[in-house]
């Protein structure tokens, strides 16, 4: 199976981080191509590979798959033994719900605390809307842990798609020095100790 993932800068691209982590979880062979963001020719270069004008995009034997969640769902179907979603029905439903909410929501958090793996400073202030988004993240994480049917430090025990979707949030919370309750702090540390994430982080720190 040939898998080629188009992604943005590892320093900035939260959307790209998600399917990349999932591919790393699979341990399968794939190739990646970085298209630098915030350049004069960024859109032109993306359109050469992704008609939607957006990345990430996965080129595979079934064509080009755009959108991070669609890519992850495709990989979950193609590699069922990897158990990228929890085995337990109730836990799987909760994991999908949490990932979908992250995928489509939290606009204030995204806008006011953009992912930047080279950022390391508190914001001048956190708006009410952003704080509301942060508190909602904490609630979702707690709901996931309550629904977890397996042991382990990730949201549902072992790493899965839902953790890939919240990894960029962990980056935001740490890089902007957000005060965290103990349970959330422990989960953020789990993400930062995840070997796959550490490989992405190191590459992001080395980008210009």
N, C-alpha and C. Protein backbone atom coordinates (compact mmCIF):
# COMPACT_ATOMS: atom_id res chain seq x y z
N UNK A 1 0.85 -1.19 0.00
CA UNK A 1 0.00 0.00 0.00
C UNK A 1 0.89 1.25 0.00
N UNK A 2 0.69 2.12 -0.97
CA UNK A 2 1.46 3.35 -1.07
C UNK A 2 0.70 4.50 -0.40
N UNK A 3 1.34 5.14 0.55
CA UNK A 3 0.74 6.25 1.28
C UNK A 3 1.68 7.44 1.25
N UNK A 4 1.19 8.57 0.75
CA UNK A 4 2.00 9.78 0.66
C UNK A 4 1.21 10.93 1.27
N UNK A 5 1.73 11.52 2.34
CA UNK A 5 1.02 12.55 3.09
C UNK A 5 1.59 13.93 2.81
N UNK A 6 0.74 14.82 2.35
CA UNK A 6 1.11 16.22 2.16
C UNK A 6 0.77 16.97 3.44
N UNK A 7 1.74 17.67 3.99
CA UNK A 7 1.54 18.39 5.25
C UNK A 7 2.12 19.79 5.18
N UNK A 8 1.73 20.62 6.16
CA UNK A 8 2.32 21.94 6.30
C UNK A 8 3.49 21.90 7.26
N UNK A 9 4.05 23.06 7.57
CA UNK A 9 5.17 23.16 8.49
C UNK A 9 4.86 22.42 9.79
N UNK A 10 5.82 21.68 10.29
CA UNK A 10 5.59 20.96 11.55
C UNK A 10 5.53 21.92 12.73
N UNK A 11 6.10 23.08 12.57
CA UNK A 11 6.03 24.08 13.64
C UNK A 11 4.60 24.59 13.84
N UNK A 12 3.86 24.76 12.75
CA UNK A 12 2.57 25.45 12.82
C UNK A 12 1.34 24.58 12.55
N UNK A 13 1.47 23.53 11.75
CA UNK A 13 0.29 22.88 11.17
C UNK A 13 -0.33 21.84 12.10
N UNK A 14 -1.28 22.30 12.90
CA UNK A 14 -1.98 21.39 13.81
C UNK A 14 -2.78 20.35 13.04
N UNK A 15 -3.37 20.75 11.92
CA UNK A 15 -4.16 19.82 11.12
C UNK A 15 -3.28 18.71 10.58
N UNK A 16 -2.07 19.04 10.19
CA UNK A 16 -1.16 18.03 9.63
C UNK A 16 -0.66 17.07 10.69
N UNK A 17 -0.46 17.58 11.91
CA UNK A 17 0.05 16.74 12.99
C UNK A 17 -0.84 15.53 13.23
N UNK A 18 -2.13 15.71 13.11
CA UNK A 18 -3.07 14.65 13.49
C UNK A 18 -2.92 13.38 12.64
N UNK A 19 -3.07 13.45 11.30
CA UNK A 19 -2.91 12.22 10.53
C UNK A 19 -1.48 11.69 10.55
N UNK A 20 -0.51 12.59 10.70
CA UNK A 20 0.89 12.15 10.79
C UNK A 20 1.08 11.26 12.01
N UNK A 21 0.53 11.66 13.14
CA UNK A 21 0.63 10.84 14.35
C UNK A 21 -0.04 9.49 14.14
N UNK A 22 -1.17 9.49 13.46
CA UNK A 22 -1.87 8.23 13.22
C UNK A 22 -1.03 7.30 12.34
N UNK A 23 -0.41 7.85 11.31
CA UNK A 23 0.47 7.04 10.48
C UNK A 23 1.64 6.48 11.29
N UNK A 24 2.16 7.28 12.19
CA UNK A 24 3.24 6.81 13.06
C UNK A 24 2.74 5.68 13.97
N UNK A 25 1.53 5.77 14.45
CA UNK A 25 0.96 4.71 15.29
C UNK A 25 0.89 3.39 14.53
N UNK A 26 0.61 3.48 13.24
CA UNK A 26 0.45 2.27 12.44
C UNK A 26 1.76 1.54 12.23
N UNK A 27 2.86 2.30 12.23
CA UNK A 27 4.15 1.68 11.98
C UNK A 27 4.31 1.20 10.54
N UNK A 28 3.47 1.70 9.65
CA UNK A 28 3.53 1.31 8.25
C UNK A 28 4.42 2.27 7.48
N UNK A 29 4.84 1.85 6.29
CA UNK A 29 5.69 2.69 5.45
C UNK A 29 4.84 3.77 4.78
N UNK A 30 5.31 5.00 4.86
CA UNK A 30 4.65 6.10 4.17
C UNK A 30 5.70 7.16 3.85
N UNK A 31 5.36 8.06 2.98
CA UNK A 31 6.24 9.19 2.68
C UNK A 31 5.49 10.47 3.00
N UNK A 32 6.23 11.53 3.22
CA UNK A 32 5.62 12.83 3.52
C UNK A 32 6.24 13.92 2.67
N UNK A 33 5.48 14.94 2.43
CA UNK A 33 5.96 16.10 1.67
C UNK A 33 5.48 17.36 2.36
N UNK A 34 6.40 18.19 2.79
CA UNK A 34 6.06 19.42 3.49
C UNK A 34 5.90 20.56 2.49
N UNK A 35 4.79 21.25 2.60
CA UNK A 35 4.56 22.47 1.83
C UNK A 35 4.59 23.62 2.81
N UNK A 36 5.55 24.49 2.66
CA UNK A 36 5.73 25.57 3.62
C UNK A 36 4.54 26.52 3.60
N UNK A 37 4.05 26.86 4.77
CA UNK A 37 2.93 27.76 4.91
C UNK A 37 3.41 29.22 4.95
N UNK A 38 2.49 30.14 4.78
CA UNK A 38 2.76 31.58 4.92
C UNK A 38 3.80 32.07 3.92
N UNK A 39 3.84 31.42 2.75
CA UNK A 39 4.73 31.85 1.67
C UNK A 39 3.89 32.41 0.52
N UNK A 40 4.52 33.17 -0.34
CA UNK A 40 3.80 33.76 -1.47
C UNK A 40 3.17 32.70 -2.36
N UNK A 41 3.87 31.58 -2.52
CA UNK A 41 3.40 30.54 -3.43
C UNK A 41 2.75 29.36 -2.71
N UNK A 42 2.40 29.54 -1.43
CA UNK A 42 1.85 28.41 -0.67
C UNK A 42 0.59 27.84 -1.31
N UNK A 43 -0.39 28.68 -1.61
CA UNK A 43 -1.63 28.19 -2.19
C UNK A 43 -1.38 27.51 -3.53
N UNK A 44 -0.55 28.10 -4.36
CA UNK A 44 -0.25 27.51 -5.67
C UNK A 44 0.36 26.12 -5.50
N UNK A 45 1.27 25.97 -4.56
CA UNK A 45 1.92 24.68 -4.34
C UNK A 45 0.94 23.65 -3.78
N UNK A 46 0.05 24.10 -2.90
CA UNK A 46 -0.95 23.17 -2.37
C UNK A 46 -1.89 22.70 -3.48
N UNK A 47 -2.33 23.63 -4.33
CA UNK A 47 -3.27 23.28 -5.40
C UNK A 47 -2.67 22.30 -6.40
N UNK A 48 -1.37 22.24 -6.48
CA UNK A 48 -0.72 21.27 -7.37
C UNK A 48 -0.99 19.83 -6.91
N UNK A 49 -1.31 19.68 -5.64
CA UNK A 49 -1.51 18.34 -5.08
C UNK A 49 -2.90 18.13 -4.48
N UNK A 50 -3.53 19.21 -4.02
CA UNK A 50 -4.81 19.10 -3.32
C UNK A 50 -5.80 20.10 -3.89
N UNK A 51 -6.77 19.65 -4.70
CA UNK A 51 -7.72 20.56 -5.33
C UNK A 51 -8.53 21.39 -4.34
N UNK A 52 -8.65 20.93 -3.10
CA UNK A 52 -9.39 21.68 -2.09
C UNK A 52 -8.64 22.94 -1.67
N UNK A 53 -7.35 22.99 -1.98
CA UNK A 53 -6.54 24.13 -1.56
C UNK A 53 -6.12 24.04 -0.11
N UNK A 54 -6.30 22.86 0.48
CA UNK A 54 -5.96 22.69 1.89
C UNK A 54 -5.13 21.43 2.10
N UNK A 55 -4.35 21.46 3.15
CA UNK A 55 -3.63 20.28 3.59
C UNK A 55 -3.90 20.11 5.08
N UNK A 56 -3.80 18.87 5.59
CA UNK A 56 -3.18 17.70 4.98
C UNK A 56 -4.04 17.05 3.92
N UNK A 57 -3.37 16.25 3.10
CA UNK A 57 -4.05 15.41 2.11
C UNK A 57 -3.23 14.13 1.98
N UNK A 58 -3.92 13.02 1.84
CA UNK A 58 -3.26 11.72 1.74
C UNK A 58 -3.49 11.15 0.35
N UNK A 59 -2.40 10.90 -0.35
CA UNK A 59 -2.47 10.23 -1.65
C UNK A 59 -2.28 8.74 -1.43
N UNK A 60 -3.26 7.96 -1.89
CA UNK A 60 -3.22 6.52 -1.65
C UNK A 60 -3.80 5.80 -2.86
N UNK A 61 -3.91 4.49 -2.77
CA UNK A 61 -4.40 3.70 -3.89
C UNK A 61 -5.85 4.01 -4.24
N UNK A 62 -6.57 4.65 -3.33
CA UNK A 62 -7.97 4.98 -3.57
C UNK A 62 -8.16 6.45 -3.95
N UNK A 63 -7.08 7.12 -4.29
CA UNK A 63 -7.16 8.51 -4.71
C UNK A 63 -6.59 9.45 -3.66
N UNK A 64 -7.02 10.68 -3.72
CA UNK A 64 -6.55 11.70 -2.78
C UNK A 64 -7.62 11.93 -1.72
N UNK A 65 -7.23 11.82 -0.46
CA UNK A 65 -8.17 12.03 0.64
C UNK A 65 -7.79 13.32 1.35
N UNK A 66 -8.69 14.26 1.37
CA UNK A 66 -8.46 15.53 2.04
C UNK A 66 -9.16 15.53 3.39
N UNK A 67 -8.70 16.39 4.29
CA UNK A 67 -9.27 16.60 5.62
C UNK A 67 -8.70 15.58 6.60
N UNK A 68 -8.22 16.09 7.73
CA UNK A 68 -7.53 15.26 8.71
C UNK A 68 -8.41 14.15 9.27
N UNK A 69 -9.68 14.45 9.57
CA UNK A 69 -10.55 13.42 10.13
C UNK A 69 -10.86 12.34 9.11
N UNK A 70 -11.10 12.73 7.87
CA UNK A 70 -11.37 11.76 6.81
C UNK A 70 -10.16 10.85 6.61
N UNK A 71 -8.96 11.42 6.65
CA UNK A 71 -7.75 10.62 6.51
C UNK A 71 -7.65 9.60 7.64
N UNK A 72 -7.90 10.04 8.85
CA UNK A 72 -7.78 9.14 10.00
C UNK A 72 -8.83 8.04 9.96
N UNK A 73 -10.04 8.37 9.54
CA UNK A 73 -11.08 7.35 9.43
C UNK A 73 -10.71 6.34 8.34
N UNK A 74 -10.15 6.81 7.26
CA UNK A 74 -9.71 5.91 6.19
C UNK A 74 -8.65 4.94 6.72
N UNK A 75 -7.69 5.47 7.46
CA UNK A 75 -6.62 4.62 7.99
C UNK A 75 -7.17 3.63 9.02
N UNK A 76 -8.16 4.05 9.80
CA UNK A 76 -8.77 3.14 10.76
C UNK A 76 -9.44 1.97 10.05
N UNK A 77 -10.06 2.23 8.89
CA UNK A 77 -10.70 1.17 8.12
C UNK A 77 -9.67 0.26 7.46
N UNK A 78 -8.61 0.84 6.96
CA UNK A 78 -7.60 0.06 6.24
C UNK A 78 -6.73 -0.76 7.18
N UNK A 79 -6.60 -0.32 8.42
CA UNK A 79 -5.75 -1.02 9.39
C UNK A 79 -6.56 -1.33 10.66
N UNK A 80 -7.57 -2.20 10.54
CA UNK A 80 -8.45 -2.45 11.69
C UNK A 80 -7.73 -3.06 12.88
N UNK A 81 -6.67 -3.82 12.63
CA UNK A 81 -5.96 -4.47 13.74
C UNK A 81 -5.22 -3.47 14.62
N UNK A 82 -5.01 -2.26 14.11
CA UNK A 82 -4.30 -1.23 14.89
C UNK A 82 -5.16 -0.66 16.00
N UNK A 83 -6.47 -0.87 15.91
CA UNK A 83 -7.41 -0.38 16.93
C UNK A 83 -7.20 1.11 17.22
N UNK A 84 -7.30 1.90 16.17
CA UNK A 84 -7.11 3.34 16.31
C UNK A 84 -8.26 4.00 17.08
N UNK A 85 -9.41 3.35 17.09
CA UNK A 85 -10.52 3.73 17.97
C UNK A 85 -10.64 2.67 19.05
N UNK A 86 -11.17 2.99 20.23
CA UNK A 86 -11.32 1.98 21.29
C UNK A 86 -12.18 0.80 20.85
N UNK A 87 -11.89 -0.37 21.37
CA UNK A 87 -12.67 -1.58 21.05
C UNK A 87 -14.07 -1.52 21.65
N UNK A 88 -14.17 -1.03 22.88
CA UNK A 88 -15.46 -0.96 23.57
C UNK A 88 -16.40 0.00 22.85
N UNK A 89 -17.64 -0.41 22.64
CA UNK A 89 -18.59 0.39 21.87
C UNK A 89 -18.83 1.76 22.51
N UNK A 90 -19.08 1.79 23.82
CA UNK A 90 -19.34 3.07 24.50
C UNK A 90 -18.12 3.97 24.46
N UNK A 91 -16.95 3.38 24.68
CA UNK A 91 -15.72 4.17 24.66
C UNK A 91 -15.45 4.70 23.25
N UNK A 92 -15.71 3.86 22.25
CA UNK A 92 -15.48 4.28 20.86
C UNK A 92 -16.41 5.42 20.49
N UNK A 93 -17.64 5.36 20.94
CA UNK A 93 -18.59 6.45 20.65
C UNK A 93 -18.12 7.75 21.28
N UNK A 94 -17.64 7.67 22.52
CA UNK A 94 -17.16 8.87 23.21
C UNK A 94 -15.91 9.41 22.54
N UNK A 95 -15.02 8.53 22.11
CA UNK A 95 -13.80 8.97 21.43
C UNK A 95 -14.11 9.68 20.13
N UNK A 96 -15.04 9.12 19.37
CA UNK A 96 -15.42 9.75 18.10
C UNK A 96 -16.08 11.10 18.35
N UNK A 97 -16.92 11.16 19.37
CA UNK A 97 -17.59 12.42 19.70
C UNK A 97 -16.57 13.50 20.07
N UNK A 98 -15.61 13.14 20.90
CA UNK A 98 -14.60 14.11 21.34
C UNK A 98 -13.75 14.58 20.17
N UNK A 99 -13.33 13.66 19.32
CA UNK A 99 -12.50 14.03 18.17
C UNK A 99 -13.28 14.92 17.20
N UNK A 100 -14.55 14.60 16.98
CA UNK A 100 -15.36 15.40 16.07
C UNK A 100 -15.59 16.80 16.62
N UNK A 101 -15.79 16.91 17.93
CA UNK A 101 -15.97 18.24 18.53
C UNK A 101 -14.69 19.07 18.39
N UNK A 102 -13.55 18.42 18.57
CA UNK A 102 -12.29 19.14 18.40
C UNK A 102 -12.11 19.56 16.95
N UNK A 103 -12.52 18.70 16.05
CA UNK A 103 -12.35 18.94 14.62
C UNK A 103 -13.15 20.15 14.15
N UNK A 104 -14.32 20.35 14.74
CA UNK A 104 -15.23 21.38 14.21
C UNK A 104 -15.41 22.58 15.12
N UNK A 105 -14.87 22.52 16.33
CA UNK A 105 -15.15 23.59 17.28
C UNK A 105 -13.92 24.32 17.80
N UNK A 106 -14.11 24.97 18.94
CA UNK A 106 -13.06 25.69 19.65
C UNK A 106 -12.41 26.81 18.82
N UNK A 107 -13.24 27.66 18.19
CA UNK A 107 -12.68 28.70 17.31
C UNK A 107 -11.84 29.74 18.05
N UNK A 108 -12.22 30.09 19.26
CA UNK A 108 -11.46 31.11 19.98
C UNK A 108 -10.09 30.59 20.39
N UNK A 109 -10.04 29.36 20.86
CA UNK A 109 -8.75 28.77 21.22
C UNK A 109 -7.84 28.69 20.00
N UNK A 110 -8.39 28.28 18.88
CA UNK A 110 -7.58 28.17 17.65
C UNK A 110 -7.04 29.54 17.23
N UNK A 111 -7.91 30.55 17.27
CA UNK A 111 -7.53 31.87 16.77
C UNK A 111 -6.56 32.60 17.70
N UNK A 112 -6.80 32.51 18.99
CA UNK A 112 -6.02 33.29 19.94
C UNK A 112 -4.79 32.58 20.48
N UNK A 113 -4.74 31.25 20.30
CA UNK A 113 -3.57 30.49 20.71
C UNK A 113 -3.18 29.54 19.58
N UNK A 114 -2.76 30.07 18.44
CA UNK A 114 -2.40 29.20 17.32
C UNK A 114 -1.23 28.29 17.69
N UNK A 115 -1.22 27.09 17.12
CA UNK A 115 -0.13 26.17 17.42
C UNK A 115 1.19 26.70 16.87
N UNK A 116 2.18 26.73 17.71
CA UNK A 116 3.53 27.13 17.33
C UNK A 116 4.48 26.43 18.29
N UNK A 117 5.13 25.39 17.83
CA UNK A 117 5.97 24.60 18.70
C UNK A 117 7.26 25.30 19.12
N UNK A 118 7.49 26.49 18.57
CA UNK A 118 8.63 27.28 19.01
C UNK A 118 8.20 28.41 19.95
N UNK A 119 6.91 28.49 20.23
CA UNK A 119 6.40 29.53 21.14
C UNK A 119 6.57 29.08 22.58
N UNK A 120 6.92 30.00 23.46
CA UNK A 120 7.08 29.66 24.87
C UNK A 120 6.90 30.91 25.72
N UNK A 121 5.65 31.37 25.83
CA UNK A 121 5.37 32.58 26.60
C UNK A 121 3.88 32.67 26.89
N UNK A 122 3.56 33.29 28.02
CA UNK A 122 2.15 33.50 28.36
C UNK A 122 1.55 34.57 27.46
N UNK A 123 0.26 34.45 27.13
CA UNK A 123 -0.40 35.52 26.38
C UNK A 123 -0.61 36.72 27.29
N UNK A 124 -0.79 37.88 26.70
CA UNK A 124 -1.05 39.08 27.50
C UNK A 124 -2.35 38.94 28.27
N UNK A 125 -3.33 38.30 27.67
CA UNK A 125 -4.58 38.02 28.37
C UNK A 125 -5.27 36.86 27.67
N UNK A 126 -6.17 36.22 28.36
CA UNK A 126 -6.98 35.14 27.79
C UNK A 126 -8.43 35.60 27.81
N UNK A 127 -9.03 35.67 26.65
CA UNK A 127 -10.41 36.16 26.56
C UNK A 127 -11.37 35.18 27.21
N UNK A 128 -12.57 35.67 27.49
CA UNK A 128 -13.60 34.82 28.08
C UNK A 128 -13.91 33.65 27.16
N UNK A 129 -14.02 33.91 25.86
CA UNK A 129 -14.34 32.84 24.92
C UNK A 129 -13.24 31.79 24.86
N UNK A 130 -12.00 32.25 24.90
CA UNK A 130 -10.88 31.30 24.88
C UNK A 130 -10.86 30.47 26.15
N UNK A 131 -11.09 31.10 27.29
CA UNK A 131 -11.12 30.37 28.55
C UNK A 131 -12.26 29.36 28.56
N UNK A 132 -13.39 29.73 27.95
CA UNK A 132 -14.51 28.80 27.85
C UNK A 132 -14.11 27.58 27.02
N UNK A 133 -13.41 27.82 25.91
CA UNK A 133 -12.93 26.71 25.08
C UNK A 133 -11.98 25.81 25.88
N UNK A 134 -11.09 26.41 26.65
CA UNK A 134 -10.14 25.64 27.44
C UNK A 134 -10.86 24.78 28.47
N UNK A 135 -11.82 25.35 29.15
CA UNK A 135 -12.58 24.60 30.15
C UNK A 135 -13.36 23.45 29.50
N UNK A 136 -13.84 23.68 28.28
CA UNK A 136 -14.56 22.62 27.57
C UNK A 136 -13.61 21.48 27.23
N UNK A 137 -12.37 21.80 26.87
CA UNK A 137 -11.37 20.77 26.61
C UNK A 137 -11.17 19.90 27.85
N UNK A 138 -11.02 20.56 29.00
CA UNK A 138 -10.83 19.80 30.25
C UNK A 138 -12.02 18.85 30.50
N UNK A 139 -13.23 19.35 30.23
CA UNK A 139 -14.42 18.53 30.43
C UNK A 139 -14.43 17.33 29.49
N UNK A 140 -14.08 17.56 28.23
CA UNK A 140 -14.03 16.47 27.27
C UNK A 140 -13.02 15.41 27.68
N UNK A 141 -11.85 15.85 28.10
CA UNK A 141 -10.83 14.90 28.54
C UNK A 141 -11.33 14.06 29.72
N UNK A 142 -11.99 14.72 30.65
CA UNK A 142 -12.53 13.99 31.81
C UNK A 142 -13.59 12.99 31.38
N UNK A 143 -14.44 13.37 30.44
CA UNK A 143 -15.46 12.46 29.94
C UNK A 143 -14.84 11.25 29.25
N UNK A 144 -13.78 11.49 28.52
CA UNK A 144 -13.08 10.38 27.87
C UNK A 144 -12.49 9.42 28.90
N UNK A 145 -11.87 9.97 29.92
CA UNK A 145 -11.26 9.11 30.93
C UNK A 145 -12.32 8.30 31.68
N UNK A 146 -13.47 8.91 31.88
CA UNK A 146 -14.57 8.19 32.55
C UNK A 146 -15.08 7.04 31.70
N UNK A 147 -15.05 7.22 30.37
CA UNK A 147 -15.54 6.19 29.46
C UNK A 147 -14.48 5.16 29.12
N UNK A 148 -13.25 5.40 29.55
CA UNK A 148 -12.13 4.52 29.21
C UNK A 148 -12.32 3.14 29.83
N UNK A 149 -12.16 2.11 29.01
CA UNK A 149 -12.32 0.73 29.49
C UNK A 149 -10.98 0.01 29.64
N UNK A 150 -9.88 0.72 29.37
CA UNK A 150 -8.56 0.11 29.44
C UNK A 150 -7.63 0.98 30.27
N UNK A 151 -6.59 0.38 30.81
CA UNK A 151 -5.61 1.14 31.58
C UNK A 151 -4.59 1.78 30.65
N UNK A 152 -3.95 2.83 31.12
CA UNK A 152 -2.96 3.53 30.31
C UNK A 152 -3.14 5.02 30.45
N UNK A 153 -2.11 5.83 30.12
CA UNK A 153 -2.14 7.27 30.36
C UNK A 153 -2.85 8.09 29.29
N UNK A 154 -3.17 7.49 28.14
CA UNK A 154 -3.84 8.24 27.09
C UNK A 154 -5.35 8.30 27.39
N UNK A 155 -6.09 9.04 26.60
CA UNK A 155 -7.50 9.26 26.92
C UNK A 155 -8.29 7.97 27.03
N UNK A 156 -7.94 6.99 26.21
CA UNK A 156 -8.61 5.69 26.30
C UNK A 156 -7.58 4.58 26.52
N UNK A 157 -6.59 4.88 27.32
CA UNK A 157 -5.58 3.89 27.66
C UNK A 157 -4.37 3.98 26.77
N UNK A 158 -4.49 3.42 25.57
CA UNK A 158 -3.37 3.48 24.62
C UNK A 158 -3.62 4.58 23.59
N UNK A 159 -2.58 5.03 22.90
CA UNK A 159 -2.77 6.12 21.94
C UNK A 159 -3.70 5.73 20.80
N UNK A 160 -4.50 6.70 20.38
CA UNK A 160 -5.44 6.47 19.28
C UNK A 160 -5.73 7.77 18.55
N UNK A 161 -6.68 7.72 17.65
CA UNK A 161 -7.02 8.90 16.84
C UNK A 161 -7.40 10.08 17.73
N UNK A 162 -8.17 9.82 18.78
CA UNK A 162 -8.62 10.93 19.63
C UNK A 162 -7.42 11.67 20.25
N UNK A 163 -6.36 10.95 20.58
CA UNK A 163 -5.18 11.60 21.13
C UNK A 163 -4.45 12.42 20.06
N UNK A 164 -4.46 11.92 18.84
CA UNK A 164 -3.87 12.68 17.75
C UNK A 164 -4.60 14.00 17.55
N UNK A 165 -5.93 13.98 17.77
CA UNK A 165 -6.70 15.20 17.57
C UNK A 165 -6.47 16.21 18.70
N UNK A 166 -6.16 15.72 19.89
CA UNK A 166 -5.95 16.66 20.99
C UNK A 166 -4.48 16.99 21.22
N UNK A 167 -3.58 16.36 20.50
CA UNK A 167 -2.16 16.70 20.66
C UNK A 167 -1.88 18.18 20.38
N UNK A 168 -2.45 18.78 19.33
CA UNK A 168 -2.20 20.22 19.12
C UNK A 168 -2.74 21.09 20.25
N UNK A 169 -3.79 20.62 20.92
CA UNK A 169 -4.31 21.36 22.06
C UNK A 169 -3.32 21.30 23.22
N UNK A 170 -2.73 20.14 23.43
CA UNK A 170 -1.69 20.02 24.45
C UNK A 170 -0.55 20.99 24.17
N UNK A 171 -0.19 21.12 22.91
CA UNK A 171 0.86 22.07 22.53
C UNK A 171 0.46 23.49 22.91
N UNK A 172 -0.75 23.86 22.58
CA UNK A 172 -1.21 25.21 22.90
C UNK A 172 -1.18 25.47 24.41
N UNK A 173 -1.69 24.51 25.16
CA UNK A 173 -1.75 24.71 26.61
C UNK A 173 -0.37 24.84 27.23
N UNK A 174 0.58 24.07 26.74
CA UNK A 174 1.92 24.15 27.32
C UNK A 174 2.69 25.37 26.80
N UNK A 175 2.63 25.62 25.51
CA UNK A 175 3.45 26.70 24.94
C UNK A 175 2.95 28.08 25.36
N UNK A 176 1.65 28.19 25.73
CA UNK A 176 1.12 29.46 26.22
C UNK A 176 1.01 29.48 27.76
N UNK A 177 1.59 28.48 28.41
CA UNK A 177 1.69 28.44 29.87
C UNK A 177 0.34 28.53 30.56
N UNK A 178 -0.64 27.83 30.03
CA UNK A 178 -1.97 27.84 30.63
C UNK A 178 -1.94 27.03 31.93
N UNK A 179 -2.56 27.57 32.97
CA UNK A 179 -2.66 26.86 34.24
C UNK A 179 -3.61 25.67 34.08
N UNK A 180 -3.14 24.49 34.50
CA UNK A 180 -3.91 23.26 34.27
C UNK A 180 -4.24 22.55 35.57
N UNK A 181 -5.42 21.96 35.65
CA UNK A 181 -5.71 21.08 36.78
C UNK A 181 -4.82 19.83 36.67
N UNK A 182 -4.61 19.11 37.77
CA UNK A 182 -3.67 17.99 37.76
C UNK A 182 -3.93 16.95 36.67
N UNK A 183 -5.18 16.58 36.46
CA UNK A 183 -5.49 15.56 35.47
C UNK A 183 -5.12 16.02 34.06
N UNK A 184 -5.43 17.27 33.75
CA UNK A 184 -5.09 17.80 32.43
C UNK A 184 -3.58 17.93 32.27
N UNK A 185 -2.90 18.36 33.32
CA UNK A 185 -1.44 18.49 33.26
C UNK A 185 -0.80 17.13 33.00
N UNK A 186 -1.33 16.09 33.63
CA UNK A 186 -0.79 14.75 33.43
C UNK A 186 -0.98 14.29 31.99
N UNK A 187 -2.13 14.63 31.40
CA UNK A 187 -2.37 14.23 30.01
C UNK A 187 -1.47 15.00 29.05
N UNK A 188 -1.28 16.28 29.28
CA UNK A 188 -0.38 17.07 28.44
C UNK A 188 1.03 16.47 28.50
N UNK A 189 1.46 16.08 29.68
CA UNK A 189 2.78 15.46 29.82
C UNK A 189 2.84 14.12 29.06
N UNK A 190 1.73 13.38 29.08
CA UNK A 190 1.67 12.13 28.32
C UNK A 190 1.90 12.38 26.84
N UNK A 191 1.26 13.43 26.31
CA UNK A 191 1.45 13.76 24.90
C UNK A 191 2.91 14.12 24.65
N UNK A 192 3.51 14.92 25.51
CA UNK A 192 4.88 15.37 25.29
C UNK A 192 5.90 14.24 25.46
N UNK A 193 5.53 13.18 26.15
CA UNK A 193 6.42 12.03 26.29
C UNK A 193 6.15 10.95 25.24
N UNK A 194 5.14 11.13 24.43
CA UNK A 194 4.79 10.19 23.37
C UNK A 194 5.90 10.20 22.33
N UNK A 195 6.57 9.08 22.07
CA UNK A 195 7.70 9.06 21.12
C UNK A 195 7.36 9.63 19.75
N UNK A 196 6.18 9.31 19.23
CA UNK A 196 5.80 9.84 17.92
C UNK A 196 5.72 11.36 17.96
N UNK A 197 5.08 11.91 18.98
CA UNK A 197 4.99 13.36 19.10
C UNK A 197 6.36 13.99 19.25
N UNK A 198 7.23 13.35 20.02
CA UNK A 198 8.57 13.90 20.23
C UNK A 198 9.35 14.00 18.92
N UNK A 199 9.13 13.07 18.01
CA UNK A 199 9.79 13.13 16.70
C UNK A 199 9.28 14.34 15.91
N UNK A 200 7.97 14.56 15.94
CA UNK A 200 7.40 15.74 15.26
C UNK A 200 7.93 17.01 15.91
N UNK A 201 7.93 17.05 17.24
CA UNK A 201 8.37 18.23 17.96
C UNK A 201 9.82 18.57 17.61
N UNK A 202 10.69 17.58 17.57
CA UNK A 202 12.08 17.85 17.25
C UNK A 202 12.23 18.44 15.86
N UNK A 203 11.48 17.89 14.90
CA UNK A 203 11.53 18.44 13.54
C UNK A 203 11.00 19.87 13.51
N UNK A 204 9.95 20.14 14.30
CA UNK A 204 9.38 21.50 14.34
C UNK A 204 10.36 22.49 14.93
N UNK A 205 11.10 22.08 15.95
CA UNK A 205 12.08 22.98 16.57
C UNK A 205 13.25 23.27 15.64
N UNK A 206 13.47 22.40 14.69
CA UNK A 206 14.59 22.59 13.77
C UNK A 206 14.20 23.38 12.51
N UNK A 207 12.88 23.61 12.34
CA UNK A 207 12.44 24.39 11.17
C UNK A 207 12.81 25.86 11.34
N UNK A 208 13.08 26.49 10.22
CA UNK A 208 13.41 27.90 10.25
C UNK A 208 12.19 28.78 10.46
